[in-house]
N, C-alpha and C. Protein backbone atom coordinates (compact mmCIF):
# COMPACT_ATOMS: atom_id res chain seq x y z
N MET A 1 -41.73 49.29 31.26
CA MET A 1 -40.36 48.88 31.21
C MET A 1 -40.18 47.41 31.54
N SER A 2 -41.05 46.90 32.33
CA SER A 2 -40.87 45.51 32.68
C SER A 2 -41.06 44.60 31.48
N LEU A 3 -41.92 44.97 30.54
CA LEU A 3 -42.07 44.18 29.32
C LEU A 3 -40.80 44.26 28.49
N LYS A 4 -40.20 45.46 28.44
CA LYS A 4 -38.96 45.64 27.69
C LYS A 4 -37.83 44.85 28.34
N ASN A 5 -37.75 44.88 29.66
CA ASN A 5 -36.71 44.11 30.38
C ASN A 5 -36.93 42.61 30.21
N SER A 6 -38.19 42.20 30.27
CA SER A 6 -38.49 40.78 30.10
C SER A 6 -38.10 40.32 28.69
N MET A 7 -38.43 41.17 27.70
CA MET A 7 -38.10 40.82 26.33
C MET A 7 -36.58 40.76 26.13
N MET A 8 -35.85 41.70 26.69
CA MET A 8 -34.39 41.71 26.59
C MET A 8 -33.80 40.49 27.30
N SER A 9 -34.33 40.16 28.45
CA SER A 9 -33.83 38.98 29.19
C SER A 9 -34.10 37.71 28.37
N PHE A 10 -35.31 37.63 27.80
CA PHE A 10 -35.65 36.47 26.99
C PHE A 10 -34.71 36.34 25.79
N LEU A 11 -34.46 37.45 25.09
CA LEU A 11 -33.56 37.42 23.94
C LEU A 11 -32.14 37.07 24.36
N PHE A 12 -31.71 37.57 25.50
CA PHE A 12 -30.37 37.26 26.01
C PHE A 12 -30.24 35.77 26.31
N VAL A 13 -31.24 35.21 26.98
CA VAL A 13 -31.22 33.79 27.32
C VAL A 13 -31.28 32.94 26.04
N LEU A 14 -32.10 33.38 25.08
CA LEU A 14 -32.19 32.68 23.80
C LEU A 14 -30.85 32.69 23.06
N ALA A 15 -30.20 33.86 23.02
CA ALA A 15 -28.90 33.98 22.36
C ALA A 15 -27.86 33.12 23.07
N LEU A 16 -27.89 33.13 24.39
CA LEU A 16 -26.96 32.31 25.17
C LEU A 16 -27.19 30.82 24.89
N GLY A 17 -28.46 30.42 24.88
CA GLY A 17 -28.79 29.02 24.59
C GLY A 17 -28.35 28.61 23.20
N LEU A 18 -28.61 29.44 22.20
CA LEU A 18 -28.19 29.14 20.83
C LEU A 18 -26.67 29.07 20.72
N SER A 19 -25.96 29.94 21.44
CA SER A 19 -24.49 29.92 21.43
C SER A 19 -23.96 28.62 22.02
N ILE A 20 -24.53 28.23 23.14
CA ILE A 20 -24.09 26.98 23.78
C ILE A 20 -24.39 25.79 22.87
N TRP A 21 -25.58 25.77 22.27
CA TRP A 21 -25.95 24.70 21.36
C TRP A 21 -25.01 24.67 20.15
N SER A 22 -24.69 25.84 19.61
CA SER A 22 -23.78 25.94 18.46
C SER A 22 -22.39 25.41 18.80
N ILE A 23 -21.90 25.79 19.98
CA ILE A 23 -20.57 25.31 20.42
C ILE A 23 -20.60 23.79 20.60
N PHE A 24 -21.69 23.27 21.20
CA PHE A 24 -21.81 21.83 21.38
C PHE A 24 -21.82 21.09 20.05
N ILE A 25 -22.60 21.57 19.08
CA ILE A 25 -22.68 20.95 17.76
C ILE A 25 -21.32 21.01 17.06
N ALA A 26 -20.64 22.14 17.15
CA ALA A 26 -19.33 22.28 16.51
C ALA A 26 -18.32 21.32 17.13
N LYS A 27 -18.38 21.19 18.45
CA LYS A 27 -17.46 20.28 19.15
C LYS A 27 -17.74 18.83 18.75
N GLN A 28 -19.02 18.43 18.69
CA GLN A 28 -19.39 17.08 18.26
C GLN A 28 -18.93 16.83 16.83
N SER A 29 -19.09 17.82 15.97
CA SER A 29 -18.67 17.69 14.58
C SER A 29 -17.16 17.51 14.49
N HIS A 30 -16.42 18.24 15.32
CA HIS A 30 -14.96 18.13 15.35
C HIS A 30 -14.54 16.75 15.84
N ILE A 31 -15.20 16.26 16.90
CA ILE A 31 -14.89 14.92 17.42
C ILE A 31 -15.20 13.87 16.36
N THR A 32 -16.34 14.00 15.69
CA THR A 32 -16.71 13.05 14.64
C THR A 32 -15.70 13.08 13.51
N SER A 33 -15.27 14.28 13.10
CA SER A 33 -14.30 14.35 12.01
C SER A 33 -12.96 13.77 12.42
N LEU A 34 -12.55 13.95 13.68
CA LEU A 34 -11.31 13.33 14.15
C LEU A 34 -11.44 11.81 14.15
N THR A 35 -12.59 11.31 14.62
CA THR A 35 -12.81 9.88 14.65
C THR A 35 -12.81 9.31 13.23
N ASP A 36 -13.49 9.99 12.31
CA ASP A 36 -13.50 9.55 10.92
C ASP A 36 -12.09 9.56 10.34
N ALA A 37 -11.31 10.60 10.66
CA ALA A 37 -9.94 10.69 10.14
C ALA A 37 -9.09 9.53 10.65
N ASN A 38 -9.33 9.10 11.91
CA ASN A 38 -8.56 7.98 12.45
C ASN A 38 -8.88 6.67 11.75
N HIS A 39 -10.09 6.55 11.18
CA HIS A 39 -10.48 5.31 10.51
C HIS A 39 -10.30 5.38 9.00
N ARG A 40 -9.65 6.41 8.54
CA ARG A 40 -9.36 6.52 7.11
C ARG A 40 -7.97 5.93 6.86
N PRO A 41 -7.78 5.37 5.68
CA PRO A 41 -6.45 4.83 5.37
C PRO A 41 -5.41 5.94 5.31
N ASP A 42 -4.21 5.60 5.75
CA ASP A 42 -3.11 6.57 5.63
C ASP A 42 -2.16 6.18 4.50
N ALA A 43 -2.34 4.97 3.95
CA ALA A 43 -1.50 4.55 2.81
C ALA A 43 -2.17 3.39 2.11
N PHE A 44 -1.90 3.25 0.82
CA PHE A 44 -2.35 2.09 0.08
C PHE A 44 -1.33 1.77 -0.99
N MET A 45 -1.32 0.52 -1.40
CA MET A 45 -0.42 0.06 -2.45
C MET A 45 -1.20 -0.85 -3.39
N GLU A 46 -0.83 -0.83 -4.64
CA GLU A 46 -1.44 -1.71 -5.62
C GLU A 46 -0.35 -2.53 -6.30
N ASP A 47 -0.73 -3.72 -6.75
CA ASP A 47 0.20 -4.65 -7.41
C ASP A 47 1.45 -4.86 -6.56
N VAL A 48 1.25 -5.30 -5.33
CA VAL A 48 2.31 -5.41 -4.33
C VAL A 48 3.05 -6.74 -4.47
N ILE A 49 4.36 -6.65 -4.44
CA ILE A 49 5.24 -7.80 -4.25
C ILE A 49 6.27 -7.34 -3.24
N ALA A 50 6.18 -7.88 -2.01
CA ALA A 50 7.09 -7.49 -0.95
C ALA A 50 7.81 -8.73 -0.42
N ILE A 51 9.11 -8.60 -0.23
CA ILE A 51 9.92 -9.71 0.27
C ILE A 51 10.61 -9.26 1.55
N ILE A 52 10.43 -10.05 2.61
CA ILE A 52 11.09 -9.79 3.89
C ILE A 52 12.32 -10.70 3.95
N ILE A 53 13.45 -10.09 4.24
CA ILE A 53 14.73 -10.82 4.29
C ILE A 53 15.13 -11.02 5.75
N ASN A 54 15.61 -12.22 6.09
CA ASN A 54 16.07 -12.48 7.47
C ASN A 54 17.50 -11.97 7.68
N LYS A 55 18.02 -12.15 8.87
CA LYS A 55 19.37 -11.65 9.22
C LYS A 55 20.47 -12.29 8.39
N GLN A 56 20.22 -13.49 7.87
CA GLN A 56 21.22 -14.18 7.06
C GLN A 56 21.15 -13.75 5.59
N GLY A 57 20.21 -12.87 5.26
CA GLY A 57 20.07 -12.39 3.89
C GLY A 57 19.21 -13.27 3.00
N ASN A 58 18.49 -14.20 3.61
CA ASN A 58 17.61 -15.09 2.85
C ASN A 58 16.16 -14.62 3.00
N PRO A 59 15.31 -14.88 2.00
CA PRO A 59 13.91 -14.49 2.15
C PRO A 59 13.24 -15.30 3.26
N SER A 60 12.46 -14.63 4.11
CA SER A 60 11.70 -15.34 5.14
C SER A 60 10.21 -15.27 4.84
N LEU A 61 9.81 -14.25 4.07
CA LEU A 61 8.40 -14.08 3.75
C LEU A 61 8.28 -13.29 2.46
N ARG A 62 7.31 -13.65 1.67
CA ARG A 62 7.00 -12.90 0.45
C ARG A 62 5.48 -12.77 0.41
N ILE A 63 5.01 -11.57 0.10
CA ILE A 63 3.58 -11.35 -0.03
C ILE A 63 3.29 -10.67 -1.35
N GLU A 64 2.29 -11.19 -2.04
CA GLU A 64 1.84 -10.61 -3.29
C GLU A 64 0.35 -10.32 -3.15
N ALA A 65 -0.07 -9.16 -3.63
CA ALA A 65 -1.49 -8.80 -3.56
C ALA A 65 -1.76 -7.68 -4.55
N PRO A 66 -2.95 -7.69 -5.14
CA PRO A 66 -3.29 -6.58 -6.03
C PRO A 66 -3.54 -5.28 -5.28
N LYS A 67 -3.91 -5.38 -3.98
CA LYS A 67 -4.18 -4.15 -3.23
C LYS A 67 -3.99 -4.37 -1.73
N MET A 68 -3.34 -3.39 -1.09
CA MET A 68 -3.17 -3.37 0.36
C MET A 68 -3.50 -1.97 0.84
N VAL A 69 -4.28 -1.86 1.93
CA VAL A 69 -4.67 -0.57 2.49
C VAL A 69 -4.30 -0.57 3.97
N HIS A 70 -3.54 0.45 4.40
CA HIS A 70 -3.07 0.54 5.79
C HIS A 70 -3.85 1.60 6.55
N TYR A 71 -4.18 1.29 7.83
CA TYR A 71 -4.86 2.21 8.74
C TYR A 71 -3.95 2.43 9.94
N ALA A 72 -3.59 3.70 10.18
CA ALA A 72 -2.62 4.03 11.23
C ALA A 72 -3.19 3.87 12.63
N ASP A 73 -4.49 4.13 12.82
CA ASP A 73 -5.04 4.15 14.18
C ASP A 73 -4.88 2.82 14.91
N ASN A 74 -4.87 1.70 14.21
CA ASN A 74 -4.66 0.41 14.86
C ASN A 74 -3.59 -0.42 14.16
N ASP A 75 -2.78 0.22 13.32
CA ASP A 75 -1.69 -0.44 12.57
C ASP A 75 -2.19 -1.72 11.92
N ARG A 76 -3.27 -1.56 11.14
CA ARG A 76 -3.89 -2.68 10.45
C ARG A 76 -3.74 -2.48 8.95
N THR A 77 -3.51 -3.58 8.25
CA THR A 77 -3.45 -3.55 6.79
C THR A 77 -4.46 -4.55 6.24
N ASP A 78 -5.39 -4.05 5.42
CA ASP A 78 -6.34 -4.92 4.74
C ASP A 78 -5.74 -5.33 3.41
N ILE A 79 -5.80 -6.61 3.10
CA ILE A 79 -5.16 -7.15 1.90
C ILE A 79 -6.20 -7.88 1.06
N THR A 80 -6.24 -7.55 -0.21
CA THR A 80 -7.16 -8.19 -1.14
C THR A 80 -6.43 -9.32 -1.88
N THR A 81 -7.06 -10.47 -1.96
CA THR A 81 -6.53 -11.70 -2.58
C THR A 81 -5.02 -11.89 -2.35
N PRO A 82 -4.64 -12.05 -1.09
CA PRO A 82 -3.22 -12.22 -0.78
C PRO A 82 -2.68 -13.58 -1.19
N HIS A 83 -1.41 -13.59 -1.52
CA HIS A 83 -0.64 -14.82 -1.71
C HIS A 83 0.61 -14.63 -0.86
N LEU A 84 0.66 -15.37 0.25
CA LEU A 84 1.77 -15.28 1.20
C LEU A 84 2.62 -16.51 1.06
N MET A 85 3.94 -16.33 0.98
CA MET A 85 4.88 -17.45 0.96
C MET A 85 5.75 -17.35 2.19
N LEU A 86 5.71 -18.38 3.02
CA LEU A 86 6.54 -18.45 4.22
C LEU A 86 7.70 -19.40 3.95
N TYR A 87 8.89 -18.85 3.96
CA TYR A 87 10.09 -19.67 3.75
C TYR A 87 10.52 -20.23 5.08
N ARG A 88 11.11 -21.37 5.04
CA ARG A 88 11.54 -22.04 6.26
C ARG A 88 12.83 -22.76 6.00
N GLN A 89 13.22 -23.69 6.86
CA GLN A 89 14.48 -24.40 6.68
C GLN A 89 14.46 -25.25 5.41
N SER A 90 13.29 -25.72 5.02
CA SER A 90 13.15 -26.51 3.80
C SER A 90 13.27 -25.59 2.59
N PRO A 91 13.71 -26.12 1.45
CA PRO A 91 13.80 -25.27 0.26
C PRO A 91 12.42 -24.87 -0.29
N GLU A 92 11.36 -25.59 0.08
CA GLU A 92 10.02 -25.29 -0.42
C GLU A 92 9.24 -24.45 0.60
N PRO A 93 8.75 -23.28 0.19
CA PRO A 93 7.97 -22.45 1.11
C PRO A 93 6.53 -22.96 1.24
N TRP A 94 5.84 -22.51 2.28
CA TRP A 94 4.41 -22.71 2.42
C TRP A 94 3.73 -21.57 1.67
N HIS A 95 2.70 -21.87 0.91
CA HIS A 95 1.92 -20.88 0.17
C HIS A 95 0.55 -20.78 0.83
N ILE A 96 0.12 -19.55 1.11
CA ILE A 96 -1.20 -19.33 1.71
C ILE A 96 -1.94 -18.33 0.83
N ASN A 97 -3.12 -18.73 0.38
CA ASN A 97 -3.95 -17.88 -0.47
C ASN A 97 -5.34 -17.77 0.14
N SER A 98 -5.99 -16.63 -0.09
CA SER A 98 -7.39 -16.45 0.31
C SER A 98 -7.96 -15.27 -0.45
N ASN A 99 -9.24 -15.03 -0.26
CA ASN A 99 -9.85 -13.85 -0.88
C ASN A 99 -9.47 -12.57 -0.15
N TYR A 100 -9.31 -12.68 1.19
CA TYR A 100 -9.03 -11.49 2.01
C TYR A 100 -8.08 -11.85 3.14
N ALA A 101 -7.38 -10.82 3.61
CA ALA A 101 -6.54 -10.97 4.81
C ALA A 101 -6.43 -9.63 5.50
N LYS A 102 -6.09 -9.71 6.79
CA LYS A 102 -5.87 -8.52 7.59
C LYS A 102 -4.59 -8.76 8.38
N ALA A 103 -3.62 -7.86 8.22
CA ALA A 103 -2.36 -7.96 8.96
C ALA A 103 -2.37 -6.92 10.07
N THR A 104 -1.89 -7.29 11.25
CA THR A 104 -1.81 -6.35 12.35
C THR A 104 -0.38 -6.24 12.83
N GLN A 105 -0.05 -5.05 13.33
CA GLN A 105 1.29 -4.74 13.84
C GLN A 105 2.34 -5.15 12.82
N GLY A 106 2.25 -4.54 11.64
CA GLY A 106 3.13 -4.92 10.55
C GLY A 106 2.65 -6.25 10.00
N LEU A 107 3.49 -7.27 10.10
CA LEU A 107 3.09 -8.62 9.70
C LEU A 107 3.25 -9.59 10.87
N THR A 108 3.05 -9.09 12.09
CA THR A 108 3.17 -9.93 13.27
C THR A 108 2.11 -11.02 13.28
N GLU A 109 0.89 -10.65 12.87
CA GLU A 109 -0.23 -11.59 12.82
C GLU A 109 -1.01 -11.30 11.55
N VAL A 110 -1.31 -12.35 10.78
CA VAL A 110 -2.08 -12.19 9.55
C VAL A 110 -3.28 -13.11 9.63
N PHE A 111 -4.48 -12.52 9.51
CA PHE A 111 -5.72 -13.28 9.56
C PHE A 111 -6.28 -13.38 8.14
N PHE A 112 -6.44 -14.61 7.65
CA PHE A 112 -6.96 -14.88 6.31
C PHE A 112 -8.40 -15.37 6.44
N TRP A 113 -9.25 -15.00 5.47
CA TRP A 113 -10.60 -15.54 5.45
C TRP A 113 -11.13 -15.60 4.02
N SER A 114 -12.11 -16.48 3.85
CA SER A 114 -12.79 -16.68 2.58
C SER A 114 -11.90 -17.45 1.60
N ASN A 115 -12.18 -18.74 1.49
CA ASN A 115 -11.45 -19.63 0.57
C ASN A 115 -9.95 -19.70 0.87
N VAL A 116 -9.63 -20.04 2.10
CA VAL A 116 -8.22 -20.14 2.50
C VAL A 116 -7.65 -21.47 2.03
N VAL A 117 -6.53 -21.41 1.32
CA VAL A 117 -5.84 -22.60 0.83
C VAL A 117 -4.38 -22.50 1.24
N ILE A 118 -3.89 -23.56 1.89
CA ILE A 118 -2.49 -23.64 2.30
C ILE A 118 -1.86 -24.77 1.48
N HIS A 119 -0.71 -24.50 0.89
CA HIS A 119 -0.10 -25.49 0.01
C HIS A 119 1.40 -25.57 0.30
N HIS A 120 1.91 -26.79 0.34
CA HIS A 120 3.35 -27.01 0.49
C HIS A 120 3.76 -28.14 -0.44
N LEU A 121 4.72 -27.87 -1.29
CA LEU A 121 5.23 -28.90 -2.19
C LEU A 121 6.06 -29.91 -1.42
N HIS A 122 6.15 -31.11 -1.96
CA HIS A 122 6.96 -32.19 -1.39
C HIS A 122 8.41 -31.73 -1.23
N ASP A 123 9.01 -32.12 -0.11
CA ASP A 123 10.45 -31.90 0.10
C ASP A 123 11.01 -33.15 0.76
N VAL A 124 12.25 -33.10 1.20
CA VAL A 124 12.90 -34.30 1.76
C VAL A 124 12.22 -34.79 3.03
N ALA A 125 11.57 -33.91 3.79
CA ALA A 125 10.98 -34.31 5.06
C ALA A 125 9.47 -34.50 5.01
N ASN A 126 8.78 -33.85 4.05
CA ASN A 126 7.32 -33.85 4.06
C ASN A 126 6.76 -34.07 2.66
N PRO A 127 5.61 -34.76 2.59
CA PRO A 127 4.97 -34.92 1.28
C PRO A 127 4.24 -33.63 0.88
N THR A 128 3.79 -33.57 -0.36
CA THR A 128 2.97 -32.45 -0.79
C THR A 128 1.74 -32.39 0.11
N THR A 129 1.42 -31.19 0.59
CA THR A 129 0.32 -31.02 1.52
C THR A 129 -0.55 -29.86 1.06
N ASP A 130 -1.86 -30.08 1.02
CA ASP A 130 -2.84 -29.03 0.74
C ASP A 130 -3.84 -29.01 1.87
N MET A 131 -4.17 -27.82 2.36
CA MET A 131 -5.16 -27.66 3.41
C MET A 131 -6.14 -26.58 2.99
N THR A 132 -7.41 -26.78 3.32
CA THR A 132 -8.43 -25.76 3.07
C THR A 132 -9.22 -25.53 4.35
N THR A 133 -9.58 -24.26 4.59
CA THR A 133 -10.32 -23.86 5.78
C THR A 133 -10.98 -22.50 5.53
N PRO A 134 -12.03 -22.18 6.24
CA PRO A 134 -12.66 -20.86 6.04
C PRO A 134 -11.82 -19.70 6.56
N THR A 135 -11.09 -19.92 7.67
CA THR A 135 -10.26 -18.86 8.26
C THR A 135 -8.94 -19.45 8.73
N LEU A 136 -7.94 -18.59 8.81
CA LEU A 136 -6.62 -19.03 9.28
C LEU A 136 -5.88 -17.83 9.84
N THR A 137 -5.24 -18.01 10.99
CA THR A 137 -4.38 -16.98 11.56
C THR A 137 -2.95 -17.48 11.48
N VAL A 138 -2.07 -16.64 10.92
CA VAL A 138 -0.67 -17.00 10.75
C VAL A 138 0.19 -16.02 11.54
N PHE A 139 1.17 -16.56 12.24
CA PHE A 139 2.17 -15.77 12.95
C PHE A 139 3.50 -16.01 12.23
N PRO A 140 3.83 -15.18 11.24
CA PRO A 140 5.00 -15.45 10.40
C PRO A 140 6.31 -15.57 11.16
N ASP A 141 6.53 -14.75 12.18
CA ASP A 141 7.80 -14.82 12.92
C ASP A 141 7.98 -16.16 13.62
N GLN A 142 6.89 -16.72 14.13
CA GLN A 142 6.97 -18.01 14.83
C GLN A 142 6.74 -19.19 13.88
N GLN A 143 6.36 -18.91 12.62
CA GLN A 143 6.06 -19.96 11.65
C GLN A 143 4.92 -20.86 12.15
N ILE A 144 3.90 -20.23 12.74
CA ILE A 144 2.75 -20.94 13.30
C ILE A 144 1.50 -20.52 12.54
N ALA A 145 0.62 -21.49 12.27
CA ALA A 145 -0.69 -21.22 11.67
C ALA A 145 -1.74 -21.95 12.49
N LYS A 146 -2.90 -21.30 12.68
CA LYS A 146 -3.94 -21.97 13.45
C LYS A 146 -5.32 -21.54 12.97
N THR A 147 -6.29 -22.41 13.24
CA THR A 147 -7.70 -22.12 12.97
C THR A 147 -8.54 -22.87 13.98
N ASN A 148 -9.72 -22.35 14.25
CA ASN A 148 -10.70 -23.05 15.07
C ASN A 148 -11.83 -23.60 14.19
N ASP A 149 -11.76 -23.34 12.90
CA ASP A 149 -12.78 -23.77 11.95
C ASP A 149 -12.50 -25.17 11.42
N THR A 150 -13.40 -25.64 10.58
CA THR A 150 -13.20 -26.92 9.91
C THR A 150 -11.98 -26.83 9.01
N ILE A 151 -11.33 -27.95 8.83
CA ILE A 151 -10.13 -27.98 7.98
C ILE A 151 -10.05 -29.34 7.29
N THR A 152 -9.57 -29.31 6.07
CA THR A 152 -9.31 -30.53 5.32
C THR A 152 -7.84 -30.54 4.94
N VAL A 153 -7.17 -31.64 5.26
CA VAL A 153 -5.74 -31.81 4.95
C VAL A 153 -5.63 -32.94 3.94
N VAL A 154 -4.97 -32.66 2.82
CA VAL A 154 -4.81 -33.66 1.78
C VAL A 154 -3.32 -33.87 1.52
N GLN A 155 -2.90 -35.12 1.64
CA GLN A 155 -1.55 -35.54 1.29
C GLN A 155 -1.70 -36.74 0.37
N PRO A 156 -0.64 -37.15 -0.32
CA PRO A 156 -0.78 -38.30 -1.23
C PRO A 156 -1.44 -39.49 -0.52
N ASN A 157 -2.50 -40.00 -1.12
CA ASN A 157 -3.24 -41.16 -0.65
C ASN A 157 -4.03 -40.93 0.64
N THR A 158 -4.02 -39.73 1.20
CA THR A 158 -4.66 -39.48 2.49
C THR A 158 -5.45 -38.17 2.47
N THR A 159 -6.66 -38.23 3.01
CA THR A 159 -7.47 -37.03 3.23
C THR A 159 -7.97 -37.07 4.67
N ILE A 160 -7.75 -35.98 5.39
CA ILE A 160 -8.16 -35.90 6.80
C ILE A 160 -9.03 -34.66 6.97
N HIS A 161 -10.17 -34.83 7.65
CA HIS A 161 -11.07 -33.73 7.98
C HIS A 161 -11.04 -33.55 9.49
N GLY A 162 -11.13 -32.33 9.95
CA GLY A 162 -11.17 -32.08 11.38
C GLY A 162 -11.69 -30.68 11.66
N VAL A 163 -11.73 -30.37 12.95
CA VAL A 163 -12.13 -29.04 13.40
C VAL A 163 -11.02 -28.51 14.28
N GLY A 164 -10.48 -27.37 13.90
CA GLY A 164 -9.40 -26.75 14.65
C GLY A 164 -8.06 -27.36 14.28
N MET A 165 -7.04 -26.49 14.19
CA MET A 165 -5.73 -26.97 13.78
C MET A 165 -4.65 -26.02 14.28
N LEU A 166 -3.53 -26.59 14.63
CA LEU A 166 -2.32 -25.83 14.96
C LEU A 166 -1.20 -26.45 14.15
N ALA A 167 -0.54 -25.62 13.33
CA ALA A 167 0.55 -26.13 12.49
C ALA A 167 1.83 -25.38 12.78
N ASN A 168 2.90 -26.13 12.94
CA ASN A 168 4.23 -25.55 13.00
C ASN A 168 4.79 -25.68 11.59
N LEU A 169 4.77 -24.58 10.86
CA LEU A 169 5.14 -24.63 9.45
C LEU A 169 6.64 -24.87 9.26
N ASN A 170 7.44 -24.50 10.23
CA ASN A 170 8.88 -24.73 10.11
C ASN A 170 9.20 -26.22 10.22
N GLU A 171 8.51 -26.90 11.13
CA GLU A 171 8.73 -28.34 11.32
C GLU A 171 7.87 -29.18 10.39
N GLY A 172 6.81 -28.58 9.83
CA GLY A 172 5.91 -29.33 8.96
C GLY A 172 4.93 -30.21 9.72
N THR A 173 4.66 -29.89 11.01
CA THR A 173 3.74 -30.68 11.80
C THR A 173 2.37 -30.01 11.85
N VAL A 174 1.32 -30.84 11.83
CA VAL A 174 -0.05 -30.35 11.88
C VAL A 174 -0.79 -31.13 12.96
N GLN A 175 -1.40 -30.41 13.89
CA GLN A 175 -2.18 -31.03 14.96
C GLN A 175 -3.63 -30.61 14.79
N LEU A 176 -4.53 -31.58 14.61
CA LEU A 176 -5.96 -31.30 14.53
C LEU A 176 -6.55 -31.40 15.93
N PHE A 177 -7.47 -30.49 16.26
CA PHE A 177 -8.00 -30.41 17.63
C PHE A 177 -9.13 -31.39 17.91
N SER A 178 -10.08 -31.53 16.98
CA SER A 178 -11.22 -32.41 17.28
C SER A 178 -11.86 -32.92 16.00
N GLN A 179 -12.71 -33.92 16.18
CA GLN A 179 -13.49 -34.52 15.10
C GLN A 179 -12.64 -34.93 13.90
N ALA A 180 -11.41 -35.35 14.17
CA ALA A 180 -10.51 -35.76 13.08
C ALA A 180 -10.92 -37.13 12.56
N ARG A 181 -11.09 -37.20 11.26
CA ARG A 181 -11.37 -38.47 10.61
C ARG A 181 -10.68 -38.44 9.26
N GLY A 182 -10.18 -39.58 8.86
CA GLY A 182 -9.43 -39.59 7.62
C GLY A 182 -9.69 -40.84 6.81
N GLU A 183 -9.20 -40.79 5.60
CA GLU A 183 -9.28 -41.94 4.72
C GLU A 183 -7.96 -42.10 4.00
N TYR A 184 -7.58 -43.32 3.85
CA TYR A 184 -6.36 -43.67 3.15
C TYR A 184 -6.73 -44.47 1.92
N VAL A 185 -6.27 -44.03 0.78
CA VAL A 185 -6.53 -44.74 -0.47
C VAL A 185 -5.17 -45.06 -1.09
N PRO A 186 -4.75 -46.33 -1.04
CA PRO A 186 -3.43 -46.68 -1.57
C PRO A 186 -3.39 -46.53 -3.09
N ASP A 187 -2.17 -46.31 -3.59
CA ASP A 187 -1.98 -46.22 -5.05
C ASP A 187 -2.44 -47.51 -5.69
N ALA A 188 -2.95 -47.38 -6.92
CA ALA A 188 -3.43 -48.55 -7.66
C ALA A 188 -2.25 -49.34 -8.25
N SER A 189 -1.06 -48.78 -8.23
CA SER A 189 0.08 -49.48 -8.84
C SER A 189 0.66 -50.56 -8.00
């Protein structure tokens, strides 16, 4: 009988061990599937043209993109080849283009990367301005743009290179942080 009892005890312990292992694996699988579900998009849009209107009924921001994908777990939106227009007191908006962008908390902060180009047409207060940089962070509500990367600023007759920049897009001011050097080439006329 002791062999029979030993065998029964062994089978019982084996069954108990397999049950615990099965429950553990199932729980891990459930946790993994929940984690995967949190990192899956909850919405996407294609051929997007969105206009944000301010309290006065005027456009404050316009975004165009062939594709936008939203993730609920961190309220992030990935944007492919965005074209963002920031309207300000001037009649001419700032245009920001890049290969990619990521918006967080709605459009509170937008991070652009890969071939970032900022463009502003001439208006009564500022000349035509073009800027290029590898990355750019824009805070649309504050009308602020900044980068810690290299940047080139081109205005009529002037080209300035630097590292790091803070721009107040509403005022049209640009502050370069370091290694700023420029060249002025007067018109030939």
